[in-house]
């Protein structure tokens, strides 16, 4: 997070597997949709 400097680790999964409590975010969630096809070093806005 570029404001708070907190780091988070997510696994991007299909909507049927999503479970934020386990760090699994769906590819149709706001952050999942933005992250898909992005690369290391890129900044994204969610």
ModelCIF file with pLDDT and N, C-alpha, C, O atoms, coordinates in Angstrom:
data_MODEL
#
_entry.id   MODEL 
#
_entity.id                         1 
_entity.type                       polymer 
_entity.pdbx_number_of_molecules   1 
#
_entity_poly.entity_id                      1 
_entity_poly.type                           'polypeptide(L)' 
_entity_poly.nstd_linkage                   no 
_entity_poly.nstd_monomer                   no 
_entity_poly.pdbx_seq_one_letter_code       
;(UNK)(UNK)(UNK)(UNK)(UNK)(UNK)(UNK)(UNK)(UNK)(UNK)(UNK)(UNK)(UNK)(UNK)(UNK)(UNK)
(UNK)(UNK)(UNK)(UNK)(UNK)(UNK)(UNK)(UNK)(UNK)(UNK)(UNK)(UNK)(UNK)(UNK)(UNK)(UNK)
(UNK)(UNK)(UNK)(UNK)(UNK)(UNK)(UNK)(UNK)(UNK)(UNK)(UNK)(UNK)(UNK)(UNK)
;
_entity_poly.pdbx_seq_one_letter_code_can   XXXXXXXXXXXXXXXXXXXXXXXXXXXXXXXXXXXXXXXXXXXXXX 
_entity_poly.pdbx_strand_id                 A 
#
loop_
_entity_poly_seq.entity_id 
_entity_poly_seq.num 
_entity_poly_seq.mon_id 
_entity_poly_seq.hetero 
1 1  UNK n 
1 2  UNK n 
1 3  UNK n 
1 4  UNK n 
1 5  UNK n 
1 6  UNK n 
1 7  UNK n 
1 8  UNK n 
1 9  UNK n 
1 10 UNK n 
1 11 UNK n 
1 12 UNK n 
1 13 UNK n 
1 14 UNK n 
1 15 UNK n 
1 16 UNK n 
1 17 UNK n 
1 18 UNK n 
1 19 UNK n 
1 20 UNK n 
1 21 UNK n 
1 22 UNK n 
1 23 UNK n 
1 24 UNK n 
1 25 UNK n 
1 26 UNK n 
1 27 UNK n 
1 28 UNK n 
1 29 UNK n 
1 30 UNK n 
1 31 UNK n 
1 32 UNK n 
1 33 UNK n 
1 34 UNK n 
1 35 UNK n 
1 36 UNK n 
1 37 UNK n 
1 38 UNK n 
1 39 UNK n 
1 40 UNK n 
1 41 UNK n 
1 42 UNK n 
1 43 UNK n 
1 44 UNK n 
1 45 UNK n 
1 46 UNK n 
#
_struct_asym.id          A 
_struct_asym.entity_id   1 
#
loop_
_ma_qa_metric.id 
_ma_qa_metric.mode 
_ma_qa_metric.name 
_ma_qa_metric.software_group_id 
_ma_qa_metric.type 
1 global pLDDT . pLDDT 
2 local  pLDDT . pLDDT 
#
_ma_qa_metric_global.metric_id      1 
_ma_qa_metric_global.metric_value   91.24 
_ma_qa_metric_global.model_id       1 
_ma_qa_metric_global.ordinal_id     1 
#
loop_
_ma_qa_metric_local.label_asym_id 
_ma_qa_metric_local.label_comp_id 
_ma_qa_metric_local.label_seq_id 
_ma_qa_metric_local.metric_id 
_ma_qa_metric_local.metric_value 
_ma_qa_metric_local.model_id 
_ma_qa_metric_local.ordinal_id 
A UNK 1  2 93.00 1 1  
A UNK 2  2 92.00 1 2  
A UNK 3  2 90.00 1 3  
A UNK 4  2 92.00 1 4  
A UNK 5  2 92.00 1 5  
A UNK 6  2 94.00 1 6  
A UNK 7  2 94.00 1 7  
A UNK 8  2 94.00 1 8  
A UNK 9  2 95.00 1 9  
A UNK 10 2 94.00 1 10 
A UNK 11 2 92.00 1 11 
A UNK 12 2 92.00 1 12 
A UNK 13 2 90.00 1 13 
A UNK 14 2 85.00 1 14 
A UNK 15 2 82.00 1 15 
A UNK 16 2 81.00 1 16 
A UNK 17 2 85.00 1 17 
A UNK 18 2 86.00 1 18 
A UNK 19 2 89.00 1 19 
A UNK 20 2 88.00 1 20 
A UNK 21 2 91.00 1 21 
A UNK 22 2 90.00 1 22 
A UNK 23 2 91.00 1 23 
A UNK 24 2 92.00 1 24 
A UNK 25 2 93.00 1 25 
A UNK 26 2 91.00 1 26 
A UNK 27 2 89.00 1 27 
A UNK 28 2 90.00 1 28 
A UNK 29 2 91.00 1 29 
A UNK 30 2 92.00 1 30 
A UNK 31 2 92.00 1 31 
A UNK 32 2 92.00 1 32 
A UNK 33 2 93.00 1 33 
A UNK 34 2 94.00 1 34 
A UNK 35 2 94.00 1 35 
A UNK 36 2 92.00 1 36 
A UNK 37 2 91.00 1 37 
A UNK 38 2 93.00 1 38 
A UNK 39 2 93.00 1 39 
A UNK 40 2 92.00 1 40 
A UNK 41 2 92.00 1 41 
A UNK 42 2 94.00 1 42 
A UNK 43 2 94.00 1 43 
A UNK 44 2 95.00 1 44 
A UNK 45 2 94.00 1 45 
A UNK 46 2 92.00 1 46 
#
loop_
_atom_site.group_PDB 
_atom_site.id 
_atom_site.type_symbol 
_atom_site.label_atom_id 
_atom_site.label_alt_id 
_atom_site.label_comp_id 
_atom_site.label_asym_id 
_atom_site.label_entity_id 
_atom_site.label_seq_id 
_atom_site.pdbx_PDB_ins_code 
_atom_site.Cartn_x 
_atom_site.Cartn_y 
_atom_site.Cartn_z 
_atom_site.occupancy 
_atom_site.B_iso_or_equiv 
_atom_site.pdbx_formal_charge 
_atom_site.auth_seq_id 
_atom_site.auth_comp_id 
_atom_site.auth_asym_id 
_atom_site.auth_atom_id 
_atom_site.pdbx_PDB_model_num 
ATOM 1   N N  . UNK A 1 1  ? 0.871   -1.167  0.000   1.00 93.00 ? 1  UNK A N  1 
ATOM 2   C CA . UNK A 1 1  ? 0.000   0.000   0.000   1.00 93.00 ? 1  UNK A CA 1 
ATOM 3   C C  . UNK A 1 1  ? 0.913   1.222   0.000   1.00 93.00 ? 1  UNK A C  1 
ATOM 4   O O  . UNK A 1 1  ? 1.733   1.381   0.904   1.00 93.00 ? 1  UNK A O  1 
ATOM 5   N N  . UNK A 1 2  ? 0.778   2.082   -0.998  1.00 92.00 ? 2  UNK A N  1 
ATOM 6   C CA . UNK A 1 2  ? 1.696   3.211   -1.152  1.00 92.00 ? 2  UNK A CA 1 
ATOM 7   C C  . UNK A 1 2  ? 1.450   4.334   -0.145  1.00 92.00 ? 2  UNK A C  1 
ATOM 8   O O  . UNK A 1 2  ? 2.292   5.222   -0.005  1.00 92.00 ? 2  UNK A O  1 
ATOM 9   N N  . UNK A 1 3  ? 0.316   4.314   0.557   1.00 90.00 ? 3  UNK A N  1 
ATOM 10  C CA . UNK A 1 3  ? 0.048   5.326   1.582   1.00 90.00 ? 3  UNK A CA 1 
ATOM 11  C C  . UNK A 1 3  ? 0.526   4.844   2.953   1.00 90.00 ? 3  UNK A C  1 
ATOM 12  O O  . UNK A 1 3  ? 1.258   5.550   3.647   1.00 90.00 ? 3  UNK A O  1 
ATOM 13  N N  . UNK A 1 4  ? 0.106   3.634   3.335   1.00 92.00 ? 4  UNK A N  1 
ATOM 14  C CA . UNK A 1 4  ? 0.442   3.122   4.672   1.00 92.00 ? 4  UNK A CA 1 
ATOM 15  C C  . UNK A 1 4  ? 1.749   2.334   4.698   1.00 92.00 ? 4  UNK A C  1 
ATOM 16  O O  . UNK A 1 4  ? 2.269   2.047   5.776   1.00 92.00 ? 4  UNK A O  1 
ATOM 17  N N  . UNK A 1 5  ? 2.284   1.981   3.535   1.00 92.00 ? 5  UNK A N  1 
ATOM 18  C CA . UNK A 1 5  ? 3.498   1.159   3.393   1.00 92.00 ? 5  UNK A CA 1 
ATOM 19  C C  . UNK A 1 5  ? 3.304   -0.268  3.910   1.00 92.00 ? 5  UNK A C  1 
ATOM 20  O O  . UNK A 1 5  ? 4.283   -0.996  4.076   1.00 92.00 ? 5  UNK A O  1 
ATOM 21  N N  . UNK A 1 6  ? 2.060   -0.679  4.167   1.00 94.00 ? 6  UNK A N  1 
ATOM 22  C CA . UNK A 1 6  ? 1.801   -2.055  4.597   1.00 94.00 ? 6  UNK A CA 1 
ATOM 23  C C  . UNK A 1 6  ? 1.845   -2.988  3.393   1.00 94.00 ? 6  UNK A C  1 
ATOM 24  O O  . UNK A 1 6  ? 1.392   -2.654  2.298   1.00 94.00 ? 6  UNK A O  1 
ATOM 25  N N  . UNK A 1 7  ? 2.406   -4.164  3.636   1.00 94.00 ? 7  UNK A N  1 
ATOM 26  C CA . UNK A 1 7  ? 2.457   -5.170  2.580   1.00 94.00 ? 7  UNK A CA 1 
ATOM 27  C C  . UNK A 1 7  ? 1.406   -6.235  2.846   1.00 94.00 ? 7  UNK A C  1 
ATOM 28  O O  . UNK A 1 7  ? 1.068   -6.529  3.992   1.00 94.00 ? 7  UNK A O  1 
ATOM 29  N N  . UNK A 1 8  ? 0.897   -6.804  1.761   1.00 94.00 ? 8  UNK A N  1 
ATOM 30  C CA . UNK A 1 8  ? -0.069  -7.896  1.845   1.00 94.00 ? 8  UNK A CA 1 
ATOM 31  C C  . UNK A 1 8  ? 0.281   -8.911  0.770   1.00 94.00 ? 8  UNK A C  1 
ATOM 32  O O  . UNK A 1 8  ? 0.801   -8.561  -0.290  1.00 94.00 ? 8  UNK A O  1 
ATOM 33  N N  . UNK A 1 9  ? -0.007  -10.161 1.056   1.00 95.00 ? 9  UNK A N  1 
ATOM 34  C CA . UNK A 1 9  ? 0.236   -11.233 0.088   1.00 95.00 ? 9  UNK A CA 1 
ATOM 35  C C  . UNK A 1 9  ? -1.112  -11.877 -0.226  1.00 95.00 ? 9  UNK A C  1 
ATOM 36  O O  . UNK A 1 9  ? -1.844  -12.286 0.675   1.00 95.00 ? 9  UNK A O  1 
ATOM 37  N N  . UNK A 1 10 ? -1.425  -11.959 -1.521  1.00 94.00 ? 10 UNK A N  1 
ATOM 38  C CA . UNK A 1 10 ? -2.671  -12.550 -1.979  1.00 94.00 ? 10 UNK A CA 1 
ATOM 39  C C  . UNK A 1 10 ? -2.373  -13.623 -3.009  1.00 94.00 ? 10 UNK A C  1 
ATOM 40  O O  . UNK A 1 10 ? -1.369  -13.563 -3.719  1.00 94.00 ? 10 UNK A O  1 
ATOM 41  N N  . UNK A 1 11 ? -3.255  -14.603 -3.080  1.00 92.00 ? 11 UNK A N  1 
ATOM 42  C CA . UNK A 1 11 ? -3.257  -15.552 -4.177  1.00 92.00 ? 11 UNK A CA 1 
ATOM 43  C C  . UNK A 1 11 ? -4.492  -15.237 -4.997  1.00 92.00 ? 11 UNK A C  1 
ATOM 44  O O  . UNK A 1 11 ? -5.599  -15.207 -4.459  1.00 92.00 ? 11 UNK A O  1 
ATOM 45  N N  . UNK A 1 12 ? -4.323  -15.001 -6.289  1.00 92.00 ? 12 UNK A N  1 
ATOM 46  C CA . UNK A 1 12 ? -5.443  -14.665 -7.159  1.00 92.00 ? 12 UNK A CA 1 
ATOM 47  C C  . UNK A 1 12 ? -6.054  -15.971 -7.664  1.00 92.00 ? 12 UNK A C  1 
ATOM 48  O O  . UNK A 1 12 ? -5.375  -16.785 -8.290  1.00 92.00 ? 12 UNK A O  1 
ATOM 49  N N  . UNK A 1 13 ? -7.345  -16.158 -7.384  1.00 90.00 ? 13 UNK A N  1 
ATOM 50  C CA . UNK A 1 13 ? -8.032  -17.403 -7.722  1.00 90.00 ? 13 UNK A CA 1 
ATOM 51  C C  . UNK A 1 13 ? -9.345  -17.100 -8.436  1.00 90.00 ? 13 UNK A C  1 
ATOM 52  O O  . UNK A 1 13 ? -9.775  -15.948 -8.493  1.00 90.00 ? 13 UNK A O  1 
ATOM 53  N N  . UNK A 1 14 ? -9.976  -18.131 -8.976  1.00 85.00 ? 14 UNK A N  1 
ATOM 54  C CA . UNK A 1 14 ? -11.283 -18.002 -9.598  1.00 85.00 ? 14 UNK A CA 1 
ATOM 55  C C  . UNK A 1 14 ? -12.315 -17.653 -8.528  1.00 85.00 ? 14 UNK A C  1 
ATOM 56  O O  . UNK A 1 14 ? -12.100 -17.916 -7.345  1.00 85.00 ? 14 UNK A O  1 
ATOM 57  N N  . UNK A 1 15 ? -13.416 -17.072 -8.936  1.00 82.00 ? 15 UNK A N  1 
ATOM 58  C CA . UNK A 1 15 ? -14.451 -16.631 -8.001  1.00 82.00 ? 15 UNK A CA 1 
ATOM 59  C C  . UNK A 1 15 ? -14.943 -17.756 -7.096  1.00 82.00 ? 15 UNK A C  1 
ATOM 60  O O  . UNK A 1 15 ? -15.382 -17.491 -5.977  1.00 82.00 ? 15 UNK A O  1 
ATOM 61  N N  . UNK A 1 16 ? -14.880 -19.005 -7.555  1.00 81.00 ? 16 UNK A N  1 
ATOM 62  C CA . UNK A 1 16 ? -15.370 -20.122 -6.745  1.00 81.00 ? 16 UNK A CA 1 
ATOM 63  C C  . UNK A 1 16 ? -14.427 -20.471 -5.604  1.00 81.00 ? 16 UNK A C  1 
ATOM 64  O O  . UNK A 1 16 ? -14.834 -21.148 -4.659  1.00 81.00 ? 16 UNK A O  1 
ATOM 65  N N  . UNK A 1 17 ? -13.177 -20.025 -5.668  1.00 85.00 ? 17 UNK A N  1 
ATOM 66  C CA . UNK A 1 17 ? -12.186 -20.338 -4.643  1.00 85.00 ? 17 UNK A CA 1 
ATOM 67  C C  . UNK A 1 17 ? -11.910 -19.183 -3.702  1.00 85.00 ? 17 UNK A C  1 
ATOM 68  O O  . UNK A 1 17 ? -11.232 -19.359 -2.690  1.00 85.00 ? 17 UNK A O  1 
ATOM 69  N N  . UNK A 1 18 ? -12.422 -18.003 -4.019  1.00 86.00 ? 18 UNK A N  1 
ATOM 70  C CA . UNK A 1 18 ? -12.100 -16.812 -3.235  1.00 86.00 ? 18 UNK A CA 1 
ATOM 71  C C  . UNK A 1 18 ? -12.401 -16.979 -1.750  1.00 86.00 ? 18 UNK A C  1 
ATOM 72  O O  . UNK A 1 18 ? -13.468 -17.461 -1.372  1.00 86.00 ? 18 UNK A O  1 
ATOM 73  N N  . UNK A 1 19 ? -11.449 -16.575 -0.916  1.00 89.00 ? 19 UNK A N  1 
ATOM 74  C CA . UNK A 1 19 ? -11.613 -16.593 0.534   1.00 89.00 ? 19 UNK A CA 1 
ATOM 75  C C  . UNK A 1 19 ? -10.626 -15.589 1.122   1.00 89.00 ? 19 UNK A C  1 
ATOM 76  O O  . UNK A 1 19 ? -9.486  -15.942 1.426   1.00 89.00 ? 19 UNK A O  1 
ATOM 77  N N  . UNK A 1 20 ? -11.060 -14.338 1.283   1.00 88.00 ? 20 UNK A N  1 
ATOM 78  C CA . UNK A 1 20 ? -10.148 -13.293 1.761   1.00 88.00 ? 20 UNK A CA 1 
ATOM 79  C C  . UNK A 1 20 ? -9.490  -13.620 3.105   1.00 88.00 ? 20 UNK A C  1 
ATOM 80  O O  . UNK A 1 20 ? -8.364  -13.191 3.357   1.00 88.00 ? 20 UNK A O  1 
ATOM 81  N N  . UNK A 1 21 ? -10.169 -14.364 3.959   1.00 91.00 ? 21 UNK A N  1 
ATOM 82  C CA . UNK A 1 21 ? -9.584  -14.715 5.258   1.00 91.00 ? 21 UNK A CA 1 
ATOM 83  C C  . UNK A 1 21 ? -8.358  -15.610 5.106   1.00 91.00 ? 21 UNK A C  1 
ATOM 84  O O  . UNK A 1 21 ? -7.502  -15.652 5.990   1.00 91.00 ? 21 UNK A O  1 
ATOM 85  N N  . UNK A 1 22 ? -8.276  -16.325 3.983   1.00 90.00 ? 22 UNK A N  1 
ATOM 86  C CA . UNK A 1 22 ? -7.120  -17.176 3.700   1.00 90.00 ? 22 UNK A CA 1 
ATOM 87  C C  . UNK A 1 22 ? -6.157  -16.504 2.726   1.00 90.00 ? 22 UNK A C  1 
ATOM 88  O O  . UNK A 1 22 ? -5.202  -17.132 2.268   1.00 90.00 ? 22 UNK A O  1 
ATOM 89  N N  . UNK A 1 23 ? -6.400  -15.233 2.406   1.00 91.00 ? 23 UNK A N  1 
ATOM 90  C CA . UNK A 1 23 ? -5.535  -14.521 1.468   1.00 91.00 ? 23 UNK A CA 1 
ATOM 91  C C  . UNK A 1 23 ? -5.793  -14.875 0.018   1.00 91.00 ? 23 UNK A C  1 
ATOM 92  O O  . UNK A 1 23 ? -4.963  -14.591 -0.845  1.00 91.00 ? 23 UNK A O  1 
ATOM 93  N N  . UNK A 1 24 ? -6.939  -15.493 -0.267  1.00 92.00 ? 24 UNK A N  1 
ATOM 94  C CA . UNK A 1 24 ? -7.292  -15.865 -1.638  1.00 92.00 ? 24 UNK A CA 1 
ATOM 95  C C  . UNK A 1 24 ? -8.317  -14.862 -2.142  1.00 92.00 ? 24 UNK A C  1 
ATOM 96  O O  . UNK A 1 24 ? -9.448  -14.808 -1.661  1.00 92.00 ? 24 UNK A O  1 
ATOM 97  N N  . UNK A 1 25 ? -7.892  -14.058 -3.134  1.00 93.00 ? 25 UNK A N  1 
ATOM 98  C CA . UNK A 1 25 ? -8.812  -13.066 -3.685  1.00 93.00 ? 25 UNK A CA 1 
ATOM 99  C C  . UNK A 1 25 ? -9.269  -13.496 -5.063  1.00 93.00 ? 25 UNK A C  1 
ATOM 100 O O  . UNK A 1 25 ? -8.495  -14.031 -5.856  1.00 93.00 ? 25 UNK A O  1 
ATOM 101 N N  . UNK A 1 26 ? -10.518 -13.258 -5.328  1.00 91.00 ? 26 UNK A N  1 
ATOM 102 C CA . UNK A 1 26 ? -11.132 -13.635 -6.585  1.00 91.00 ? 26 UNK A CA 1 
ATOM 103 C C  . UNK A 1 26 ? -10.678 -12.725 -7.715  1.00 91.00 ? 26 UNK A C  1 
ATOM 104 O O  . UNK A 1 26 ? -10.380 -11.548 -7.512  1.00 91.00 ? 26 UNK A O  1 
ATOM 105 N N  . UNK A 1 27 ? -10.634 -13.294 -8.897  1.00 89.00 ? 27 UNK A N  1 
ATOM 106 C CA . UNK A 1 27 ? -10.282 -12.506 -10.083 1.00 89.00 ? 27 UNK A CA 1 
ATOM 107 C C  . UNK A 1 27 ? -11.379 -11.522 -10.469 1.00 89.00 ? 27 UNK A C  1 
ATOM 108 O O  . UNK A 1 27 ? -11.171 -10.690 -11.352 1.00 89.00 ? 27 UNK A O  1 
ATOM 109 N N  . UNK A 1 28 ? -12.541 -11.598 -9.829  1.00 90.00 ? 28 UNK A N  1 
ATOM 110 C CA . UNK A 1 28 ? -13.616 -10.639 -10.087 1.00 90.00 ? 28 UNK A CA 1 
ATOM 111 C C  . UNK A 1 28 ? -13.797 -9.659  -8.933  1.00 90.00 ? 28 UNK A C  1 
ATOM 112 O O  . UNK A 1 28 ? -14.694 -8.817  -8.969  1.00 90.00 ? 28 UNK A O  1 
ATOM 113 N N  . UNK A 1 29 ? -12.939 -9.765  -7.898  1.00 91.00 ? 29 UNK A N  1 
ATOM 114 C CA . UNK A 1 29 ? -12.962 -8.790  -6.805  1.00 91.00 ? 29 UNK A CA 1 
ATOM 115 C C  . UNK A 1 29 ? -12.297 -7.507  -7.298  1.00 91.00 ? 29 UNK A C  1 
ATOM 116 O O  . UNK A 1 29 ? -11.563 -7.542  -8.286  1.00 91.00 ? 29 UNK A O  1 
ATOM 117 N N  . UNK A 1 30 ? -12.534 -6.376  -6.633  1.00 92.00 ? 30 UNK A N  1 
ATOM 118 C CA . UNK A 1 30 ? -11.923 -5.128  -7.105  1.00 92.00 ? 30 UNK A CA 1 
ATOM 119 C C  . UNK A 1 30 ? -10.401 -5.222  -7.264  1.00 92.00 ? 30 UNK A C  1 
ATOM 120 O O  . UNK A 1 30 ? -9.865  -4.818  -8.296  1.00 92.00 ? 30 UNK A O  1 
ATOM 121 N N  . UNK A 1 31 ? -9.710  -5.743  -6.267  1.00 92.00 ? 31 UNK A N  1 
ATOM 122 C CA . UNK A 1 31 ? -8.242  -5.817  -6.374  1.00 92.00 ? 31 UNK A CA 1 
ATOM 123 C C  . UNK A 1 31 ? -7.811  -6.914  -7.346  1.00 92.00 ? 31 UNK A C  1 
ATOM 124 O O  . UNK A 1 31 ? -6.828  -6.748  -8.068  1.00 92.00 ? 31 UNK A O  1 
ATOM 125 N N  . UNK A 1 32 ? -8.534  -8.028  -7.369  1.00 92.00 ? 32 UNK A N  1 
ATOM 126 C CA . UNK A 1 32 ? -8.194  -9.118  -8.279  1.00 92.00 ? 32 UNK A CA 1 
ATOM 127 C C  . UNK A 1 32 ? -8.291  -8.704  -9.736  1.00 92.00 ? 32 UNK A C  1 
ATOM 128 O O  . UNK A 1 32 ? -7.417  -9.030  -10.538 1.00 92.00 ? 32 UNK A O  1 
ATOM 129 N N  . UNK A 1 33 ? -9.368  -7.975  -10.085 1.00 93.00 ? 33 UNK A N  1 
ATOM 130 C CA . UNK A 1 33 ? -9.541  -7.527  -11.478 1.00 93.00 ? 33 UNK A CA 1 
ATOM 131 C C  . UNK A 1 33 ? -8.413  -6.598  -11.908 1.00 93.00 ? 33 UNK A C  1 
ATOM 132 O O  . UNK A 1 33 ? -7.955  -6.653  -13.049 1.00 93.00 ? 33 UNK A O  1 
ATOM 133 N N  . UNK A 1 34 ? -7.966  -5.740  -10.985 1.00 94.00 ? 34 UNK A N  1 
ATOM 134 C CA . UNK A 1 34 ? -6.912  -4.778  -11.319 1.00 94.00 ? 34 UNK A CA 1 
ATOM 135 C C  . UNK A 1 34 ? -5.554  -5.472  -11.442 1.00 94.00 ? 34 UNK A C  1 
ATOM 136 O O  . UNK A 1 34 ? -4.739  -5.093  -12.284 1.00 94.00 ? 34 UNK A O  1 
ATOM 137 N N  . UNK A 1 35 ? -5.308  -6.485  -10.611 1.00 94.00 ? 35 UNK A N  1 
ATOM 138 C CA . UNK A 1 35 ? -3.999  -7.153  -10.612 1.00 94.00 ? 35 UNK A CA 1 
ATOM 139 C C  . UNK A 1 35 ? -3.772  -8.063  -11.815 1.00 94.00 ? 35 UNK A C  1 
ATOM 140 O O  . UNK A 1 35 ? -2.639  -8.195  -12.279 1.00 94.00 ? 35 UNK A O  1 
ATOM 141 N N  . UNK A 1 36 ? -4.841  -8.700  -12.333 1.00 92.00 ? 36 UNK A N  1 
ATOM 142 C CA . UNK A 1 36 ? -4.689  -9.645  -13.443 1.00 92.00 ? 36 UNK A CA 1 
ATOM 143 C C  . UNK A 1 36 ? -3.947  -8.982  -14.609 1.00 92.00 ? 36 UNK A C  1 
ATOM 144 O O  . UNK A 1 36 ? -4.278  -7.874  -15.031 1.00 92.00 ? 36 UNK A O  1 
ATOM 145 N N  . UNK A 1 37 ? -2.941  -9.689  -15.112 1.00 91.00 ? 37 UNK A N  1 
ATOM 146 C CA . UNK A 1 37 ? -2.100  -9.299  -16.259 1.00 91.00 ? 37 UNK A CA 1 
ATOM 147 C C  . UNK A 1 37 ? -1.127  -8.152  -15.963 1.00 91.00 ? 37 UNK A C  1 
ATOM 148 O O  . UNK A 1 37 ? -0.470  -7.655  -16.877 1.00 91.00 ? 37 UNK A O  1 
ATOM 149 N N  . UNK A 1 38 ? -1.029  -7.733  -14.714 1.00 93.00 ? 38 UNK A N  1 
ATOM 150 C CA . UNK A 1 38 ? -0.054  -6.694  -14.362 1.00 93.00 ? 38 UNK A CA 1 
ATOM 151 C C  . UNK A 1 38 ? 1.271   -7.382  -14.026 1.00 93.00 ? 38 UNK A C  1 
ATOM 152 O O  . UNK A 1 38 ? 1.329   -8.595  -13.821 1.00 93.00 ? 38 UNK A O  1 
ATOM 153 N N  . UNK A 1 39 ? 2.343   -6.563  -13.975 1.00 93.00 ? 39 UNK A N  1 
ATOM 154 C CA . UNK A 1 39 ? 3.685   -7.117  -13.764 1.00 93.00 ? 39 UNK A CA 1 
ATOM 155 C C  . UNK A 1 39 ? 4.304   -6.585  -12.485 1.00 93.00 ? 39 UNK A C  1 
ATOM 156 O O  . UNK A 1 39 ? 3.882   -5.565  -11.939 1.00 93.00 ? 39 UNK A O  1 
ATOM 157 N N  . UNK A 1 40 ? 5.324   -7.310  -12.021 1.00 92.00 ? 40 UNK A N  1 
ATOM 158 C CA . UNK A 1 40 ? 6.111   -6.839  -10.877 1.00 92.00 ? 40 UNK A CA 1 
ATOM 159 C C  . UNK A 1 40 ? 6.596   -5.429  -11.168 1.00 92.00 ? 40 UNK A C  1 
ATOM 160 O O  . UNK A 1 40 ? 6.998   -5.125  -12.291 1.00 92.00 ? 40 UNK A O  1 
ATOM 161 N N  . UNK A 1 41 ? 6.560   -4.568  -10.159 1.00 92.00 ? 41 UNK A N  1 
ATOM 162 C CA . UNK A 1 41 ? 7.046   -3.208  -10.309 1.00 92.00 ? 41 UNK A CA 1 
ATOM 163 C C  . UNK A 1 41 ? 5.985   -2.217  -10.762 1.00 92.00 ? 41 UNK A C  1 
ATOM 164 O O  . UNK A 1 41 ? 6.198   -1.007  -10.687 1.00 92.00 ? 41 UNK A O  1 
ATOM 165 N N  . UNK A 1 42 ? 4.849   -2.711  -11.231 1.00 94.00 ? 42 UNK A N  1 
ATOM 166 C CA . UNK A 1 42 ? 3.789   -1.804  -11.670 1.00 94.00 ? 42 UNK A CA 1 
ATOM 167 C C  . UNK A 1 42 ? 3.008   -1.271  -10.476 1.00 94.00 ? 42 UNK A C  1 
ATOM 168 O O  . UNK A 1 42 ? 2.845   -1.953  -9.464  1.00 94.00 ? 42 UNK A O  1 
ATOM 169 N N  . UNK A 1 43 ? 2.527   -0.034  -10.617 1.00 94.00 ? 43 UNK A N  1 
ATOM 170 C CA . UNK A 1 43 ? 1.619   0.535   -9.634  1.00 94.00 ? 43 UNK A CA 1 
ATOM 171 C C  . UNK A 1 43 ? 0.211   0.391   -10.174 1.00 94.00 ? 43 UNK A C  1 
ATOM 172 O O  . UNK A 1 43 ? -0.026  0.550   -11.371 1.00 94.00 ? 43 UNK A O  1 
ATOM 173 N N  . UNK A 1 44 ? -0.731  0.085   -9.274  1.00 95.00 ? 44 UNK A N  1 
ATOM 174 C CA . UNK A 1 44 ? -2.132  -0.047  -9.669  1.00 95.00 ? 44 UNK A CA 1 
ATOM 175 C C  . UNK A 1 44 ? -2.994  0.746   -8.703  1.00 95.00 ? 44 UNK A C  1 
ATOM 176 O O  . UNK A 1 44 ? -2.624  0.952   -7.547  1.00 95.00 ? 44 UNK A O  1 
ATOM 177 N N  . UNK A 1 45 ? -4.140  1.187   -9.186  1.00 94.00 ? 45 UNK A N  1 
ATOM 178 C CA . UNK A 1 45 ? -5.087  1.893   -8.336  1.00 94.00 ? 45 UNK A CA 1 
ATOM 179 C C  . UNK A 1 45 ? -6.351  1.053   -8.271  1.00 94.00 ? 45 UNK A C  1 
ATOM 180 O O  . UNK A 1 45 ? -6.889  0.637   -9.296  1.00 94.00 ? 45 UNK A O  1 
ATOM 181 N N  . UNK A 1 46 ? -6.818  0.809   -7.051  1.00 92.00 ? 46 UNK A N  1 
ATOM 182 C CA . UNK A 1 46 ? -7.974  -0.048  -6.831  1.00 92.00 ? 46 UNK A CA 1 
ATOM 183 C C  . UNK A 1 46 ? -9.088  0.762   -6.185  1.00 92.00 ? 46 UNK A C  1 
ATOM 184 O O  . UNK A 1 46 ? -10.162 0.226   -5.911  1.00 92.00 ? 46 UNK A O  1 
#
